[in-house]
PDB file of N, CA and C in Angstrom:
ATOM      1  N   MET A   1     -10.338 -34.952  28.895  1.00  0.00           N
ATOM      2  CA  MET A   1     -10.012 -33.642  29.160  1.00  0.00           C
ATOM      3  C   MET A   1      -8.502 -33.455  28.884  1.00  0.00           C
ATOM      4  N   LYS A   2      -7.544 -34.311  29.434  1.00  0.00           N
ATOM      5  CA  LYS A   2      -6.170 -34.299  29.146  1.00  0.00           C
ATOM      6  C   LYS A   2      -5.964 -34.291  27.611  1.00  0.00           C
ATOM      7  N   ALA A   3      -6.670 -34.848  26.778  1.00  0.00           N
ATOM      8  CA  ALA A   3      -6.358 -34.911  25.277  1.00  0.00           C
ATOM      9  C   ALA A   3      -6.632 -33.384  24.874  1.00  0.00           C
ATOM     10  N   VAL A   4      -7.407 -32.762  25.285  1.00  0.00           N
ATOM     11  CA  VAL A   4      -7.730 -31.196  24.815  1.00  0.00           C
ATOM     12  C   VAL A   4      -6.758 -30.392  25.146  1.00  0.00           C
ATOM     13  N   ARG A   5      -6.399 -30.639  26.578  1.00  0.00           N
ATOM     14  CA  ARG A   5      -5.063 -29.921  26.909  1.00  0.00           C
ATOM     15  C   ARG A   5      -3.950 -30.285  26.274  1.00  0.00           C
ATOM     16  N   ARG A   6      -3.658 -31.439  25.717  1.00  0.00           N
ATOM     17  CA  ARG A   6      -2.636 -31.917  25.091  1.00  0.00           C
ATOM     18  C   ARG A   6      -2.600 -31.066  23.557  1.00  0.00           C
ATOM     19  N   LEU A   7      -3.874 -31.267  22.883  1.00  0.00           N
ATOM     20  CA  LEU A   7      -3.910 -30.463  21.576  1.00  0.00           C
ATOM     21  C   LEU A   7      -3.721 -29.174  21.814  1.00  0.00           C
ATOM     22  N   ALA A   8      -4.165 -28.457  22.705  1.00  0.00           N
ATOM     23  CA  ALA A   8      -4.133 -26.997  22.956  1.00  0.00           C
ATOM     24  C   ALA A   8      -2.472 -26.713  23.126  1.00  0.00           C
ATOM     25  N   ASP A   9      -1.935 -27.642  23.944  1.00  0.00           N
ATOM     26  CA  ASP A   9      -0.343 -27.341  23.998  1.00  0.00           C
ATOM     27  C   ASP A   9       0.505 -27.538  22.734  1.00  0.00           C
ATOM     28  N   GLU A  10       0.059 -28.502  21.874  1.00  0.00           N
ATOM     29  CA  GLU A  10       0.586 -28.730  20.540  1.00  0.00           C
ATOM     30  C   GLU A  10       0.246 -27.620  19.543  1.00  0.00           C
ATOM     31  N   VAL A  11      -0.805 -27.163  19.698  1.00  0.00           N
ATOM     32  CA  VAL A  11      -1.343 -26.051  18.690  1.00  0.00           C
ATOM     33  C   VAL A  11      -0.571 -24.537  19.090  1.00  0.00           C
ATOM     34  N   ALA A  12      -0.386 -24.371  20.404  1.00  0.00           N
ATOM     35  CA  ALA A  12       0.677 -23.445  20.923  1.00  0.00           C
ATOM     36  C   ALA A  12       2.058 -23.442  20.650  1.00  0.00           C
ATOM     37  N   ALA A  13       2.520 -24.715  20.639  1.00  0.00           N
ATOM     38  CA  ALA A  13       3.721 -24.859  20.246  1.00  0.00           C
ATOM     39  C   ALA A  13       4.211 -24.656  18.834  1.00  0.00           C
ATOM     40  N   ALA A  14       3.243 -25.213  18.138  1.00  0.00           N
ATOM     41  CA  ALA A  14       3.346 -24.907  16.465  1.00  0.00           C
ATOM     42  C   ALA A  14       3.367 -23.308  16.206  1.00  0.00           C
ATOM     43  N   GLY A  15       2.310 -22.860  16.863  1.00  0.00           N
ATOM     44  CA  GLY A  15       2.321 -21.270  16.484  1.00  0.00           C
ATOM     45  C   GLY A  15       3.582 -20.629  16.930  1.00  0.00           C
ATOM     46  N   GLY A  16       4.277 -21.005  17.944  1.00  0.00           N
ATOM     47  CA  GLY A  16       5.486 -20.371  18.258  1.00  0.00           C
ATOM     48  C   GLY A  16       6.333 -20.830  17.160  1.00  0.00           C
ATOM     49  N   ARG A  17       6.458 -21.988  17.074  1.00  0.00           N
ATOM     50  CA  ARG A  17       7.777 -22.195  15.873  1.00  0.00           C
ATOM     51  C   ARG A  17       7.362 -21.529  14.524  1.00  0.00           C
ATOM     52  N   LEU A  18       6.301 -21.504  14.341  1.00  0.00           N
ATOM     53  CA  LEU A  18       5.943 -20.566  13.101  1.00  0.00           C
ATOM     54  C   LEU A  18       6.167 -19.139  13.234  1.00  0.00           C
ATOM     55  N   GLY A  19       5.990 -18.466  14.272  1.00  0.00           N
ATOM     56  CA  GLY A  19       6.459 -17.429  14.521  1.00  0.00           C
ATOM     57  C   GLY A  19       7.866 -17.282  14.261  1.00  0.00           C
ATOM     58  N   GLN A  20       8.604 -18.117  14.923  1.00  0.00           N
ATOM     59  CA  GLN A  20      10.136 -17.990  14.950  1.00  0.00           C
ATOM     60  C   GLN A  20      10.650 -18.171  13.596  1.00  0.00           C
ATOM     61  N   ILE A  21       9.958 -18.991  12.736  1.00  0.00           N
ATOM     62  CA  ILE A  21      10.418 -19.202  11.334  1.00  0.00           C
ATOM     63  C   ILE A  21      10.283 -17.975  10.622  1.00  0.00           C
ATOM     64  N   ALA A  22       8.885 -17.279  10.876  1.00  0.00           N
ATOM     65  CA  ALA A  22       8.434 -16.139  10.080  1.00  0.00           C
ATOM     66  C   ALA A  22       9.701 -15.253  10.335  1.00  0.00           C
ATOM     67  N   LEU A  23       9.814 -14.966  11.921  1.00  0.00           N
ATOM     68  CA  LEU A  23      10.937 -13.821  12.299  1.00  0.00           C
ATOM     69  C   LEU A  23      12.368 -14.171  11.328  1.00  0.00           C
ATOM     70  N   GLU A  24      12.622 -15.438  11.086  1.00  0.00           N
ATOM     71  CA  GLU A  24      14.028 -15.604  10.519  1.00  0.00           C
ATOM     72  C   GLU A  24      13.724 -15.370   9.311  1.00  0.00           C
ATOM     73  N   LEU A  25      12.726 -15.541   8.613  1.00  0.00           N
ATOM     74  CA  LEU A  25      12.333 -15.238   6.850  1.00  0.00           C
ATOM     75  C   LEU A  25      12.121 -13.795   6.562  1.00  0.00           C
ATOM     76  N   ALA A  26      11.481 -13.352   7.741  1.00  0.00           N
ATOM     77  CA  ALA A  26      11.240 -11.388   7.352  1.00  0.00           C
ATOM     78  C   ALA A  26      12.481 -10.956   6.705  1.00  0.00           C
ATOM     79  N   PRO A  27      12.007 -10.145   5.527  1.00  0.00           N
ATOM     80  CA  PRO A  27      13.267  -9.259   5.219  1.00  0.00           C
ATOM     81  C   PRO A  27      13.895  -8.297   6.105  1.00  0.00           C
ATOM     82  N   PRO A  28      15.263  -8.450   6.270  1.00  0.00           N
ATOM     83  CA  PRO A  28      15.815  -7.512   7.251  1.00  0.00           C
ATOM     84  C   PRO A  28      15.549  -5.934   7.181  1.00  0.00           C
ATOM     85  N   TYR A  29      15.122  -5.507   5.941  1.00  0.00           N
ATOM     86  CA  TYR A  29      14.883  -4.155   5.609  1.00  0.00           C
ATOM     87  C   TYR A  29      13.579  -3.711   6.561  1.00  0.00           C
ATOM     88  N   TRP A  30      12.867  -4.666   6.977  1.00  0.00           N
ATOM     89  CA  TRP A  30      11.200  -4.327   7.378  1.00  0.00           C
ATOM     90  C   TRP A  30      11.655  -3.759   8.755  1.00  0.00           C
ATOM     91  N   SER A  31      10.736  -2.674   9.277  1.00  0.00           N
ATOM     92  CA  SER A  31      10.879  -2.360  10.531  1.00  0.00           C
ATOM     93  C   SER A  31      10.303  -3.547  11.427  1.00  0.00           C
ATOM     94  N   GLU A  32      10.669  -3.457  12.735  1.00  0.00           N
ATOM     95  CA  GLU A  32      10.083  -4.348  13.603  1.00  0.00           C
ATOM     96  C   GLU A  32       8.630  -4.434  13.672  1.00  0.00           C
ATOM     97  N   GLN A  33       7.985  -3.293  13.501  1.00  0.00           N
ATOM     98  CA  GLN A  33       6.456  -3.467  13.551  1.00  0.00           C
ATOM     99  C   GLN A  33       6.059  -4.221  12.553  1.00  0.00           C
ATOM    100  N   LYS A  34       6.348  -3.861  11.180  1.00  0.00           N
ATOM    101  CA  LYS A  34       6.049  -4.575  10.008  1.00  0.00           C
ATOM    102  C   LYS A  34       6.167  -6.236  10.263  1.00  0.00           C
ATOM    103  N   ALA A  35       7.333  -6.600  10.441  1.00  0.00           N
ATOM    104  CA  ALA A  35       7.833  -7.833  10.583  1.00  0.00           C
ATOM    105  C   ALA A  35       6.846  -8.486  11.677  1.00  0.00           C
ATOM    106  N   LEU A  36       6.464  -7.848  12.826  1.00  0.00           N
ATOM    107  CA  LEU A  36       5.602  -8.339  13.756  1.00  0.00           C
ATOM    108  C   LEU A  36       4.010  -8.253  13.214  1.00  0.00           C
ATOM    109  N   ASP A  37       3.703  -7.402  12.511  1.00  0.00           N
ATOM    110  CA  ASP A  37       2.392  -7.391  11.951  1.00  0.00           C
ATOM    111  C   ASP A  37       2.308  -8.814  11.123  1.00  0.00           C
ATOM    112  N   ASN A  38       3.326  -9.033  10.190  1.00  0.00           N
ATOM    113  CA  ASN A  38       3.232 -10.029   9.194  1.00  0.00           C
ATOM    114  C   ASN A  38       3.189 -11.239   9.968  1.00  0.00           C
ATOM    115  N   ILE A  39       3.918 -11.459  11.152  1.00  0.00           N
ATOM    116  CA  ILE A  39       4.052 -12.637  11.920  1.00  0.00           C
ATOM    117  C   ILE A  39       2.923 -13.019  12.576  1.00  0.00           C
ATOM    118  N   LEU A  40       2.270 -12.076  13.149  1.00  0.00           N
ATOM    119  CA  LEU A  40       0.706 -12.114  13.647  1.00  0.00           C
ATOM    120  C   LEU A  40      -0.193 -12.602  12.570  1.00  0.00           C
ATOM    121  N   ALA A  41      -0.050 -12.272  11.395  1.00  0.00           N
ATOM    122  CA  ALA A  41      -1.034 -12.710  10.268  1.00  0.00           C
ATOM    123  C   ALA A  41      -0.529 -14.283   9.986  1.00  0.00           C
ATOM    124  N   VAL A  42       0.635 -14.371  10.053  1.00  0.00           N
ATOM    125  CA  VAL A  42       1.006 -15.917   9.875  1.00  0.00           C
ATOM    126  C   VAL A  42       0.543 -16.753  10.729  1.00  0.00           C
ATOM    127  N   ARG A  43       0.380 -16.291  12.205  1.00  0.00           N
ATOM    128  CA  ARG A  43       0.110 -17.009  13.396  1.00  0.00           C
ATOM    129  C   ARG A  43      -1.514 -17.324  12.960  1.00  0.00           C
ATOM    130  N   ARG A  44      -2.210 -16.142  12.716  1.00  0.00           N
ATOM    131  CA  ARG A  44      -3.702 -16.258  12.625  1.00  0.00           C
ATOM    132  C   ARG A  44      -3.960 -17.236  11.697  1.00  0.00           C
ATOM    133  N   TYR A  45      -3.107 -17.301  10.703  1.00  0.00           N
ATOM    134  CA  TYR A  45      -3.530 -18.275   9.562  1.00  0.00           C
ATOM    135  C   TYR A  45      -3.280 -19.696  10.109  1.00  0.00           C
ATOM    136  N   ALA A  46      -2.185 -20.076  10.940  1.00  0.00           N
ATOM    137  CA  ALA A  46      -1.737 -21.285  11.177  1.00  0.00           C
ATOM    138  C   ALA A  46      -3.035 -21.752  12.429  1.00  0.00           C
ATOM    139  N   LEU A  47      -3.475 -20.808  13.017  1.00  0.00           N
ATOM    140  CA  LEU A  47      -4.513 -21.176  14.088  1.00  0.00           C
ATOM    141  C   LEU A  47      -5.956 -21.386  13.388  1.00  0.00           C
ATOM    142  N   THR A  48      -6.233 -20.415  12.305  1.00  0.00           N
ATOM    143  CA  THR A  48      -7.384 -20.649  11.922  1.00  0.00           C
ATOM    144  C   THR A  48      -7.484 -21.575  10.583  1.00  0.00           C
ATOM    145  N   GLY A  49      -6.705 -21.747   9.802  1.00  0.00           N
ATOM    146  CA  GLY A  49      -6.559 -22.075   8.269  1.00  0.00           C
ATOM    147  C   GLY A  49      -7.111 -21.179   7.358  1.00  0.00           C
ATOM    148  N   ASP A  50      -7.487 -19.897   8.079  1.00  0.00           N
ATOM    149  CA  ASP A  50      -8.234 -18.961   6.812  1.00  0.00           C
ATOM    150  C   ASP A  50      -7.138 -18.009   6.103  1.00  0.00           C
ATOM    151  N   ARG A  51      -6.900 -18.348   4.812  1.00  0.00           N
ATOM    152  CA  ARG A  51      -5.964 -17.822   4.013  1.00  0.00           C
ATOM    153  C   ARG A  51      -6.320 -16.112   3.889  1.00  0.00           C
ATOM    154  N   ARG A  52      -7.499 -15.794   4.160  1.00  0.00           N
ATOM    155  CA  ARG A  52      -7.449 -14.234   4.244  1.00  0.00           C
ATOM    156  C   ARG A  52      -6.658 -13.675   5.133  1.00  0.00           C
ATOM    157  N   ALA A  53      -6.210 -14.296   6.087  1.00  0.00           N
ATOM    158  CA  ALA A  53      -4.978 -13.678   7.116  1.00  0.00           C
ATOM    159  C   ALA A  53      -3.847 -13.578   6.689  1.00  0.00           C
ATOM    160  N   LEU A  54      -3.559 -14.135   5.422  1.00  0.00           N
ATOM    161  CA  LEU A  54      -2.120 -14.060   4.762  1.00  0.00           C
ATOM    162  C   LEU A  54      -2.509 -12.862   3.782  1.00  0.00           C
ATOM    163  N   GLU A  55      -3.612 -12.256   3.159  1.00  0.00           N
ATOM    164  CA  GLU A  55      -3.621 -11.184   2.583  1.00  0.00           C
ATOM    165  C   GLU A  55      -2.552  -9.946   2.971  1.00  0.00           C
ATOM    166  N   GLY A  56      -2.032  -9.433   2.026  1.00  0.00           N
ATOM    167  CA  GLY A  56      -1.035  -8.485   2.232  1.00  0.00           C
ATOM    168  C   GLY A  56       0.299  -8.648   3.065  1.00  0.00           C
ATOM    169  N   THR A  57       0.427  -9.969   3.074  1.00  0.00           N
ATOM    170  CA  THR A  57       1.948 -10.419   3.723  1.00  0.00           C
ATOM    171  C   THR A  57       2.864 -10.804   2.526  1.00  0.00           C
ATOM    172  N   TRP A  58       3.876 -11.122   2.917  1.00  0.00           N
ATOM    173  CA  TRP A  58       5.005 -11.436   1.991  1.00  0.00           C
ATOM    174  C   TRP A  58       4.852 -12.973   1.680  1.00  0.00           C
ATOM    175  N   LEU A  59       3.967 -13.660   2.235  1.00  0.00           N
ATOM    176  CA  LEU A  59       3.847 -15.107   1.881  1.00  0.00           C
ATOM    177  C   LEU A  59       2.888 -15.448   0.873  1.00  0.00           C
TER     178      LEU A  59
END
């Protein structure tokens, strides 16, 4: 059970780091909402590995 919890913590931490990187890379002229939408798409991709989550993003 501890291994599962540790893995979940690592996934959450990686998602947070990816979100922070995405915020830093988002074009500065984007609205806050557009940047957030793209960051959430990147996070979905990080969690699922499904490249369809990246459709319509800047990646």
